[in-house]
Amino acid sequence: MTTVPAPLAGLHDTVERALDQELAALAARLAEIDPELGPIGSALQRFASRGKRLRPMLLLLGHALLGGRDPADVLGPAVALELVHTAALLHDDVIDRAALRRGEPTLHESFAGRHRAERGRVGDSDAYGRAVAILVGDLALVAADDRFRTARVAAPVLDRAWERFTDLRIEVMAGQVLDVEAAAGPGIASMRALTIATLKSGRYTVARPLEIGALLAGASDGLAEALRRAGDPLGRAFQLRDDLLGGLAIPTAPASPPPPT
């Protein structure tokens, strides 16, 4: 269970309800396209059902700090940030060939297990599982774009926030590419490691959500930029702590991951 500081508990519950509704609607839409897509929607719902919801909460906080009155006005962008995060985790697990995520089999491992378990399946089970996970991540990214545009703010305000949302997504992907490049090299300088920590997770975890929330509240570019700059070191610290804890953990994958239902 995720522990949320008391001052943010209300924001967490608001985000949780909105995310549940979005994932249920997406799952229903997939099942309507073709019944065989039912397990895909269900798997995305399960994968995204656990999390701190830090990014959407910070967007709502930035919105409130700069004068936003009703969090419901910007729930679409808040949910969009969580969907981007979901996609990043799904793709990251494939890149790292991770067996576990939050103590349970990763999505690509689950679908690989399903492929192995079902009679009549052909082809490579692991390749199948990775392909499904990549496509589910892509679905989350498409849904994120759709949800962001539902903000109940004036069109010029939304356009300014959308530009920073685009920056956020580019930075996440750029950071991931740099991380892959660093892993393929003989070593990595400390400043490059900090750049990767900032782009891959730190900025999109803290600084950009605060900045986007401020812009959605109608803040000036200067105020929103100041909030982003204040969030950058906090985001780097968050990612470096996460990297340290991840380096200390030595997870063991189950022999046969249970297939999704």
C-alpha atoms as a PDB file:
ATOM      1  CA  MET A   1       0.000   0.000   0.000  1.00  0.00           C
ATOM      2  CA  THR A   2       1.253   3.490  -0.881  1.00  0.00           C
ATOM      3  CA  THR A   3       1.735   5.836   2.073  1.00  0.00           C
ATOM      4  CA  VAL A   4       0.752   9.409   1.238  1.00  0.00           C
ATOM      5  CA  PRO A   5       1.545  12.422   3.467  1.00  0.00           C
ATOM      6  CA  ALA A   6      -1.616  13.682   5.147  1.00  0.00           C
ATOM      7  CA  PRO A   7      -1.605  17.114   3.398  1.00  0.00           C
ATOM      8  CA  LEU A   8      -1.644  15.362   0.007  1.00  0.00           C
ATOM      9  CA  ALA A   9      -4.091  12.570   0.839  1.00  0.00           C
ATOM     10  CA  GLY A  10      -7.046  14.412  -0.655  1.00  0.00           C
ATOM     11  CA  LEU A  11      -5.195  15.061  -3.923  1.00  0.00           C
ATOM     12  CA  HIS A  12      -4.110  11.415  -4.058  1.00  0.00           C
ATOM     13  CA  ASP A  13      -7.677  10.162  -3.712  1.00  0.00           C
ATOM     14  CA  THR A  14      -8.889  12.600  -6.380  1.00  0.00           C
ATOM     15  CA  VAL A  15      -6.219  11.415  -8.827  1.00  0.00           C
ATOM     16  CA  GLU A  16      -6.859   7.756  -8.003  1.00  0.00           C
ATOM     17  CA  ARG A  17     -10.553   8.008  -8.838  1.00  0.00           C
ATOM     18  CA  ALA A  18      -9.919   9.871 -12.097  1.00  0.00           C
ATOM     19  CA  LEU A  19      -7.233   7.400 -13.169  1.00  0.00           C
ATOM     20  CA  ASP A  20      -9.463   4.416 -12.386  1.00  0.00           C
ATOM     21  CA  GLN A  21     -12.221   5.904 -14.544  1.00  0.00           C
ATOM     22  CA  GLU A  22      -9.843   6.573 -17.438  1.00  0.00           C
ATOM     23  CA  LEU A  23      -8.336   3.073 -17.361  1.00  0.00           C
ATOM     24  CA  ALA A  24     -11.775   1.449 -17.155  1.00  0.00           C
ATOM     25  CA  ALA A  25     -12.973   3.502 -20.123  1.00  0.00           C
ATOM     26  CA  LEU A  26      -9.868   2.596 -22.135  1.00  0.00           C
ATOM     27  CA  ALA A  27     -10.262  -1.107 -21.292  1.00  0.00           C
ATOM     28  CA  ALA A  28     -13.910  -0.991 -22.395  1.00  0.00           C
ATOM     29  CA  ARG A  29     -12.950   0.756 -25.631  1.00  0.00           C
ATOM     30  CA  LEU A  30     -10.350  -1.904 -26.427  1.00  0.00           C
ATOM     31  CA  ALA A  31     -12.808  -4.729 -25.707  1.00  0.00           C
ATOM     32  CA  GLU A  32     -15.318  -3.040 -27.992  1.00  0.00           C
ATOM     33  CA  ILE A  33     -12.773  -2.950 -30.828  1.00  0.00           C
ATOM     34  CA  ASP A  34     -12.171  -6.683 -30.426  1.00  0.00           C
ATOM     35  CA  PRO A  35     -12.933  -9.043 -27.516  1.00  0.00           C
ATOM     36  CA  GLU A  36      -9.397 -10.470 -27.762  1.00  0.00           C
ATOM     37  CA  LEU A  37      -8.115  -7.092 -26.589  1.00  0.00           C
ATOM     38  CA  GLY A  38      -9.868  -7.550 -23.234  1.00  0.00           C
ATOM     39  CA  PRO A  39      -6.760  -8.981 -21.521  1.00  0.00           C
ATOM     40  CA  ILE A  40      -4.721  -6.007 -22.770  1.00  0.00           C
ATOM     41  CA  GLY A  41      -7.008  -3.465 -21.129  1.00  0.00           C
ATOM     42  CA  SER A  42      -7.176  -5.519 -17.936  1.00  0.00           C
ATOM     43  CA  ALA A  43      -3.388  -5.846 -17.817  1.00  0.00           C
ATOM     44  CA  LEU A  44      -2.941  -2.084 -18.164  1.00  0.00           C
ATOM     45  CA  GLN A  45      -5.464  -1.518 -15.375  1.00  0.00           C
ATOM     46  CA  ARG A  46      -3.611  -3.891 -13.066  1.00  0.00           C
ATOM     47  CA  PHE A  47      -0.191  -2.516 -13.921  1.00  0.00           C
ATOM     48  CA  ALA A  48      -1.247   1.067 -13.242  1.00  0.00           C
ATOM     49  CA  SER A  49      -3.239   0.224 -10.109  1.00  0.00           C
ATOM     50  CA  ARG A  50      -0.283   0.696  -7.782  1.00  0.00           C
ATOM     51  CA  GLY A  51       1.744   3.867  -7.481  1.00  0.00           C
ATOM     52  CA  LYS A  52       2.507   6.989  -5.487  1.00  0.00           C
ATOM     53  CA  ARG A  53       0.721   9.286  -8.002  1.00  0.00           C
ATOM     54  CA  LEU A  54       3.409  11.852  -7.205  1.00  0.00           C
ATOM     55  CA  ARG A  55       3.464  13.483 -10.635  1.00  0.00           C
ATOM     56  CA  PRO A  56      -0.274  14.186 -10.930  1.00  0.00           C
ATOM     57  CA  MET A  57      -0.414  15.338  -7.304  1.00  0.00           C
ATOM     58  CA  LEU A  58       2.407  17.826  -7.938  1.00  0.00           C
ATOM     59  CA  LEU A  59       0.606  19.120 -11.017  1.00  0.00           C
ATOM     60  CA  LEU A  60      -2.490  19.739  -8.896  1.00  0.00           C
ATOM     61  CA  LEU A  61      -0.304  21.329  -6.219  1.00  0.00           C
ATOM     62  CA  GLY A  62       1.360  23.674  -8.733  1.00  0.00           C
ATOM     63  CA  HIS A  63      -2.090  24.581 -10.036  1.00  0.00           C
ATOM     64  CA  ALA A  64      -3.332  25.404  -6.529  1.00  0.00           C
ATOM     65  CA  LEU A  65      -0.187  27.346  -5.557  1.00  0.00           C
ATOM     66  CA  LEU A  66      -0.582  29.714  -8.520  1.00  0.00           C
ATOM     67  CA  GLY A  67      -4.251  30.406  -7.948  1.00  0.00           C
ATOM     68  CA  GLY A  68      -6.091  27.477  -9.499  1.00  0.00           C
ATOM     69  CA  ARG A  69      -9.425  27.108  -7.726  1.00  0.00           C
ATOM     70  CA  ASP A  70     -10.868  23.778  -8.817  1.00  0.00           C
ATOM     71  CA  PRO A  71      -8.618  20.707  -9.245  1.00  0.00           C
ATOM     72  CA  ALA A  72     -11.333  19.125 -11.392  1.00  0.00           C
ATOM     73  CA  ASP A  73     -10.435  21.655 -14.105  1.00  0.00           C
ATOM     74  CA  VAL A  74      -7.007  20.043 -14.585  1.00  0.00           C
ATOM     75  CA  LEU A  75      -7.641  16.390 -13.738  1.00  0.00           C
ATOM     76  CA  GLY A  76      -7.190  15.472 -17.402  1.00  0.00           C
ATOM     77  CA  PRO A  77      -3.569  16.704 -17.494  1.00  0.00           C
ATOM     78  CA  ALA A  78      -2.936  15.179 -14.060  1.00  0.00           C
ATOM     79  CA  VAL A  79      -4.064  11.756 -15.263  1.00  0.00           C
ATOM     80  CA  ALA A  80      -2.051  12.285 -18.456  1.00  0.00           C
ATOM     81  CA  LEU A  81       1.153  12.554 -16.422  1.00  0.00           C
ATOM     82  CA  GLU A  82       0.435   9.254 -14.680  1.00  0.00           C
ATOM     83  CA  LEU A  83      -0.220   7.590 -18.045  1.00  0.00           C
ATOM     84  CA  VAL A  84       3.114   8.864 -19.380  1.00  0.00           C
ATOM     85  CA  HIS A  85       4.762   7.458 -16.279  1.00  0.00           C
ATOM     86  CA  THR A  86       3.003   4.122 -16.838  1.00  0.00           C
ATOM     87  CA  ALA A  87       4.265   3.982 -20.419  1.00  0.00           C
ATOM     88  CA  ALA A  88       7.798   4.840 -19.304  1.00  0.00           C
ATOM     89  CA  LEU A  89       7.776   2.017 -16.737  1.00  0.00           C
ATOM     90  CA  LEU A  90       6.452  -0.516 -19.249  1.00  0.00           C
ATOM     91  CA  HIS A  91       9.092   0.385 -21.810  1.00  0.00           C
ATOM     92  CA  ASP A  92      11.836   0.596 -19.186  1.00  0.00           C
ATOM     93  CA  ASP A  93      11.047  -2.928 -17.999  1.00  0.00           C
ATOM     94  CA  VAL A  94      11.391  -4.206 -21.573  1.00  0.00           C
ATOM     95  CA  ILE A  95      14.680  -2.356 -22.114  1.00  0.00           C
ATOM     96  CA  ASP A  96      16.085  -3.687 -18.827  1.00  0.00           C
ATOM     97  CA  ARG A  97      14.517  -7.146 -19.328  1.00  0.00           C
ATOM     98  CA  ALA A  98      13.300  -6.810 -15.759  1.00  0.00           C
ATOM     99  CA  ALA A  99      11.507  -9.796 -14.253  1.00  0.00           C
ATOM    100  CA  LEU A 100       9.758  -7.944 -11.428  1.00  0.00           C
ATOM    101  CA  ARG A 101       8.020  -4.615 -10.926  1.00  0.00           C
ATOM    102  CA  ARG A 102       6.841  -3.722  -7.403  1.00  0.00           C
ATOM    103  CA  GLY A 103       7.324  -7.309  -6.303  1.00  0.00           C
ATOM    104  CA  GLU A 104       5.225  -8.824  -9.094  1.00  0.00           C
ATOM    105  CA  PRO A 105       6.039 -10.128 -12.587  1.00  0.00           C
ATOM    106  CA  THR A 106       6.479  -7.372 -15.137  1.00  0.00           C
ATOM    107  CA  LEU A 107       3.873  -7.140 -17.863  1.00  0.00           C
ATOM    108  CA  HIS A 108       6.132  -8.598 -20.546  1.00  0.00           C
ATOM    109  CA  GLU A 109       6.948 -11.555 -18.281  1.00  0.00           C
ATOM    110  CA  SER A 110       3.262 -12.141 -17.561  1.00  0.00           C
ATOM    111  CA  PHE A 111       2.333 -12.234 -21.226  1.00  0.00           C
ATOM    112  CA  ALA A 112       5.335 -14.414 -22.039  1.00  0.00           C
ATOM    113  CA  GLY A 113       4.083 -16.813 -19.361  1.00  0.00           C
ATOM    114  CA  ARG A 114       0.618 -16.761 -20.900  1.00  0.00           C
ATOM    115  CA  HIS A 115       2.094 -17.541 -24.318  1.00  0.00           C
ATOM    116  CA  ARG A 116       4.002 -20.512 -22.908  1.00  0.00           C
ATOM    117  CA  ALA A 117       1.003 -21.821 -20.986  1.00  0.00           C
ATOM    118  CA  GLU A 118      -1.630 -21.731 -23.742  1.00  0.00           C
ATOM    119  CA  ARG A 119      -1.802 -24.634 -26.137  1.00  0.00           C
ATOM    120  CA  GLY A 120      -1.499 -23.894 -29.838  1.00  0.00           C
ATOM    121  CA  ARG A 121       0.720 -20.826 -29.447  1.00  0.00           C
ATOM    122  CA  VAL A 122       3.644 -20.484 -31.875  1.00  0.00           C
ATOM    123  CA  GLY A 123       6.732 -18.317 -31.940  1.00  0.00           C
ATOM    124  CA  ASP A 124       9.050 -17.068 -29.226  1.00  0.00           C
ATOM    125  CA  SER A 125       7.243 -16.474 -25.924  1.00  0.00           C
ATOM    126  CA  ASP A 126       9.662 -13.830 -24.640  1.00  0.00           C
ATOM    127  CA  ALA A 127       9.512 -11.865 -27.899  1.00  0.00           C
ATOM    128  CA  TYR A 128       5.708 -12.008 -27.736  1.00  0.00           C
ATOM    129  CA  GLY A 129       5.675 -10.694 -24.180  1.00  0.00           C
ATOM    130  CA  ARG A 130       8.022  -7.823 -25.016  1.00  0.00           C
ATOM    131  CA  ALA A 131       5.968  -6.854 -28.072  1.00  0.00           C
ATOM    132  CA  VAL A 132       2.747  -6.742 -26.052  1.00  0.00           C
ATOM    133  CA  ALA A 133       4.345  -4.633 -23.305  1.00  0.00           C
ATOM    134  CA  ILE A 134       5.712  -2.118 -25.827  1.00  0.00           C
ATOM    135  CA  LEU A 135       2.310  -1.764 -27.480  1.00  0.00           C
ATOM    136  CA  VAL A 136       0.493  -1.415 -24.149  1.00  0.00           C
ATOM    137  CA  GLY A 137       2.943   1.363 -23.275  1.00  0.00           C
ATOM    138  CA  ASP A 138       2.177   3.031 -26.594  1.00  0.00           C
ATOM    139  CA  LEU A 139      -1.541   2.833 -25.793  1.00  0.00           C
ATOM    140  CA  ALA A 140      -0.894   4.612 -22.495  1.00  0.00           C
ATOM    141  CA  LEU A 141       0.974   7.381 -24.338  1.00  0.00           C
ATOM    142  CA  VAL A 142      -1.889   7.876 -26.802  1.00  0.00           C
ATOM    143  CA  ALA A 143      -4.395   7.990 -23.939  1.00  0.00           C
ATOM    144  CA  ALA A 144      -2.185  10.543 -22.151  1.00  0.00           C
ATOM    145  CA  ASP A 145      -2.316  12.923 -25.122  1.00  0.00           C
ATOM    146  CA  ASP A 146      -6.084  12.547 -25.272  1.00  0.00           C
ATOM    147  CA  ARG A 147      -6.596  13.204 -21.563  1.00  0.00           C
ATOM    148  CA  PHE A 148      -4.345  16.264 -21.432  1.00  0.00           C
ATOM    149  CA  ARG A 149      -6.498  18.125 -23.952  1.00  0.00           C
ATOM    150  CA  THR A 150      -9.595  17.759 -21.741  1.00  0.00           C
ATOM    151  CA  ALA A 151      -8.458  20.447 -19.294  1.00  0.00           C
ATOM    152  CA  ARG A 152     -11.197  22.991 -18.567  1.00  0.00           C
ATOM    153  CA  VAL A 153      -9.075  26.085 -19.198  1.00  0.00           C
ATOM    154  CA  ALA A 154      -8.912  28.706 -21.919  1.00  0.00           C
ATOM    155  CA  ALA A 155      -7.368  27.531 -25.191  1.00  0.00           C
ATOM    156  CA  PRO A 156      -4.287  29.827 -24.997  1.00  0.00           C
ATOM    157  CA  VAL A 157      -3.603  28.606 -21.440  1.00  0.00           C
ATOM    158  CA  LEU A 158      -3.885  24.985 -22.532  1.00  0.00           C
ATOM    159  CA  ASP A 159      -1.578  25.584 -25.491  1.00  0.00           C
ATOM    160  CA  ARG A 160       1.167  26.967 -23.223  1.00  0.00           C
ATOM    161  CA  ALA A 161       0.852  24.012 -20.869  1.00  0.00           C
ATOM    162  CA  TRP A 162       0.834  21.593 -23.830  1.00  0.00           C
ATOM    163  CA  GLU A 163       4.228  22.953 -24.939  1.00  0.00           C
ATOM    164  CA  ARG A 164       5.719  22.060 -21.553  1.00  0.00           C
ATOM    165  CA  PHE A 165       3.988  18.664 -21.678  1.00  0.00           C
ATOM    166  CA  THR A 166       5.738  18.081 -25.006  1.00  0.00           C
ATOM    167  CA  ASP A 167       9.050  19.127 -23.426  1.00  0.00           C
ATOM    168  CA  LEU A 168       8.409  16.638 -20.613  1.00  0.00           C
ATOM    169  CA  ARG A 169       7.875  13.736 -23.011  1.00  0.00           C
ATOM    170  CA  ILE A 170      10.898  14.604 -25.155  1.00  0.00           C
ATOM    171  CA  GLU A 171      13.089  14.877 -22.055  1.00  0.00           C
ATOM    172  CA  VAL A 172      11.956  11.491 -20.739  1.00  0.00           C
ATOM    173  CA  MET A 173      12.752   9.771 -24.049  1.00  0.00           C
ATOM    174  CA  ALA A 174      16.045  11.640 -24.448  1.00  0.00           C
ATOM    175  CA  GLY A 175      17.083  10.663 -20.939  1.00  0.00           C
ATOM    176  CA  GLN A 176      16.247   7.032 -21.652  1.00  0.00           C
ATOM    177  CA  VAL A 177      18.353   7.062 -24.841  1.00  0.00           C
ATOM    178  CA  LEU A 178      21.290   8.584 -22.944  1.00  0.00           C
ATOM    179  CA  ASP A 179      20.866   5.917 -20.276  1.00  0.00           C
ATOM    180  CA  VAL A 180      21.000   3.157 -22.898  1.00  0.00           C
ATOM    181  CA  GLU A 181      24.096   4.770 -24.439  1.00  0.00           C
ATOM    182  CA  ALA A 182      25.766   5.014 -21.041  1.00  0.00           C
ATOM    183  CA  ALA A 183      25.058   1.359 -20.303  1.00  0.00           C
ATOM    184  CA  ALA A 184      26.702   0.399 -23.601  1.00  0.00           C
ATOM    185  CA  GLY A 185      29.870   2.398 -22.878  1.00  0.00           C
ATOM    186  CA  PRO A 186      32.960   1.716 -20.760  1.00  0.00           C
ATOM    187  CA  GLY A 187      31.960   4.152 -18.033  1.00  0.00           C
ATOM    188  CA  ILE A 188      30.023   7.304 -17.231  1.00  0.00           C
ATOM    189  CA  ALA A 189      31.099  10.686 -15.898  1.00  0.00           C
ATOM    190  CA  SER A 190      29.341  12.038 -12.822  1.00  0.00           C
ATOM    191  CA  MET A 191      27.922  15.055 -14.664  1.00  0.00           C
ATOM    192  CA  ARG A 192      26.492  12.840 -17.417  1.00  0.00           C
ATOM    193  CA  ALA A 193      24.920  10.634 -14.725  1.00  0.00           C
ATOM    194  CA  LEU A 194      23.252  13.721 -13.219  1.00  0.00           C
ATOM    195  CA  THR A 195      21.998  14.788 -16.650  1.00  0.00           C
ATOM    196  CA  ILE A 196      20.443  11.362 -17.173  1.00  0.00           C
ATOM    197  CA  ALA A 197      18.908  11.400 -13.681  1.00  0.00           C
ATOM    198  CA  THR A 198      17.400  14.817 -14.403  1.00  0.00           C
ATOM    199  CA  LEU A 199      15.981  14.020 -17.842  1.00  0.00           C
ATOM    200  CA  LYS A 200      14.968  10.394 -17.420  1.00  0.00           C
ATOM    201  CA  SER A 201      13.016  10.858 -14.218  1.00  0.00           C
ATOM    202  CA  GLY A 202      13.857  13.837 -12.012  1.00  0.00           C
ATOM    203  CA  ARG A 203      12.439  16.637 -14.137  1.00  0.00           C
ATOM    204  CA  TYR A 204       9.291  14.810 -15.194  1.00  0.00           C
ATOM    205  CA  THR A 205       8.703  13.654 -11.629  1.00  0.00           C
ATOM    206  CA  VAL A 206       8.824  17.030  -9.867  1.00  0.00           C
ATOM    207  CA  ALA A 207       9.807  20.106 -11.880  1.00  0.00           C
ATOM    208  CA  ARG A 208       7.664  19.768 -14.998  1.00  0.00           C
ATOM    209  CA  PRO A 209       4.484  18.720 -13.143  1.00  0.00           C
ATOM    210  CA  LEU A 210       4.771  21.788 -10.903  1.00  0.00           C
ATOM    211  CA  GLU A 211       5.448  24.024 -13.921  1.00  0.00           C
ATOM    212  CA  ILE A 212       2.582  22.593 -15.980  1.00  0.00           C
ATOM    213  CA  GLY A 213       0.182  22.962 -13.061  1.00  0.00           C
ATOM    214  CA  ALA A 214       1.223  26.586 -12.658  1.00  0.00           C
ATOM    215  CA  LEU A 215       0.720  27.305 -16.359  1.00  0.00           C
ATOM    216  CA  LEU A 216      -2.724  25.713 -16.274  1.00  0.00           C
ATOM    217  CA  ALA A 217      -3.571  28.130 -13.457  1.00  0.00           C
ATOM    218  CA  GLY A 218      -2.646  31.028 -15.746  1.00  0.00           C
ATOM    219  CA  ALA A 219       0.769  31.791 -14.232  1.00  0.00           C
ATOM    220  CA  SER A 220       3.244  33.867 -16.203  1.00  0.00           C
ATOM    221  CA  ASP A 221       6.121  32.119 -17.945  1.00  0.00           C
ATOM    222  CA  GLY A 222       8.513  33.647 -15.402  1.00  0.00           C
ATOM    223  CA  LEU A 223       6.649  32.298 -12.368  1.00  0.00           C
ATOM    224  CA  ALA A 224       6.225  28.875 -13.932  1.00  0.00           C
ATOM    225  CA  GLU A 225       9.920  28.779 -14.845  1.00  0.00           C
ATOM    226  CA  ALA A 226      10.896  29.714 -11.292  1.00  0.00           C
ATOM    227  CA  LEU A 227       8.797  26.845  -9.975  1.00  0.00           C
ATOM    228  CA  ARG A 228      10.476  24.457 -12.415  1.00  0.00           C
ATOM    229  CA  ARG A 229      13.928  25.588 -11.341  1.00  0.00           C
ATOM    230  CA  ALA A 230      13.009  25.032  -7.706  1.00  0.00           C
ATOM    231  CA  GLY A 231      11.792  21.543  -8.556  1.00  0.00           C
ATOM    232  CA  ASP A 232      14.849  20.415 -10.536  1.00  0.00           C
ATOM    233  CA  PRO A 233      17.155  19.652  -7.572  1.00  0.00           C
ATOM    234  CA  LEU A 234      14.293  17.927  -5.741  1.00  0.00           C
ATOM    235  CA  GLY A 235      13.673  15.755  -8.787  1.00  0.00           C
ATOM    236  CA  ARG A 236      17.352  14.846  -9.102  1.00  0.00           C
ATOM    237  CA  ALA A 237      17.480  13.917  -5.430  1.00  0.00           C
ATOM    238  CA  PHE A 238      14.371  11.759  -5.836  1.00  0.00           C
ATOM    239  CA  GLN A 239      15.865   9.881  -8.803  1.00  0.00           C
ATOM    240  CA  LEU A 240      19.300   9.403  -7.240  1.00  0.00           C
ATOM    241  CA  ARG A 241      17.684   7.985  -4.100  1.00  0.00           C
ATOM    242  CA  ASP A 242      15.573   5.682  -6.254  1.00  0.00           C
ATOM    243  CA  ASP A 243      18.666   4.534  -8.178  1.00  0.00           C
ATOM    244  CA  LEU A 244      20.492   3.836  -4.928  1.00  0.00           C
ATOM    245  CA  LEU A 245      17.632   1.795  -3.499  1.00  0.00           C
ATOM    246  CA  GLY A 246      17.304  -0.077  -6.788  1.00  0.00           C
ATOM    247  CA  GLY A 247      21.001  -0.901  -6.753  1.00  0.00           C
ATOM    248  CA  LEU A 248      20.735  -2.321  -3.255  1.00  0.00           C
ATOM    249  CA  ALA A 249      17.734  -4.529  -4.076  1.00  0.00           C
ATOM    250  CA  ILE A 250      18.350  -7.967  -5.583  1.00  0.00           C
ATOM    251  CA  PRO A 251      14.954  -9.271  -6.726  1.00  0.00           C
ATOM    252  CA  THR A 252      14.384 -12.899  -7.625  1.00  0.00           C
ATOM    253  CA  ALA A 253      11.915 -13.735 -10.380  1.00  0.00           C
ATOM    254  CA  PRO A 254       9.417 -16.556  -9.937  1.00  0.00           C
ATOM    255  CA  ALA A 255      10.096 -19.606 -12.130  1.00  0.00           C
ATOM    256  CA  SER A 256       6.754 -19.407 -13.948  1.00  0.00           C
ATOM    257  CA  PRO A 257       5.034 -15.975 -13.867  1.00  0.00           C
ATOM    258  CA  PRO A 258       1.261 -16.342 -13.650  1.00  0.00           C
ATOM    259  CA  PRO A 259      -0.488 -15.436 -16.919  1.00  0.00           C
ATOM    260  CA  PRO A 260      -2.802 -12.385 -16.937  1.00  0.00           C
ATOM    261  CA  THR A 261      -6.517 -13.051 -16.805  1.00  0.00           C
END
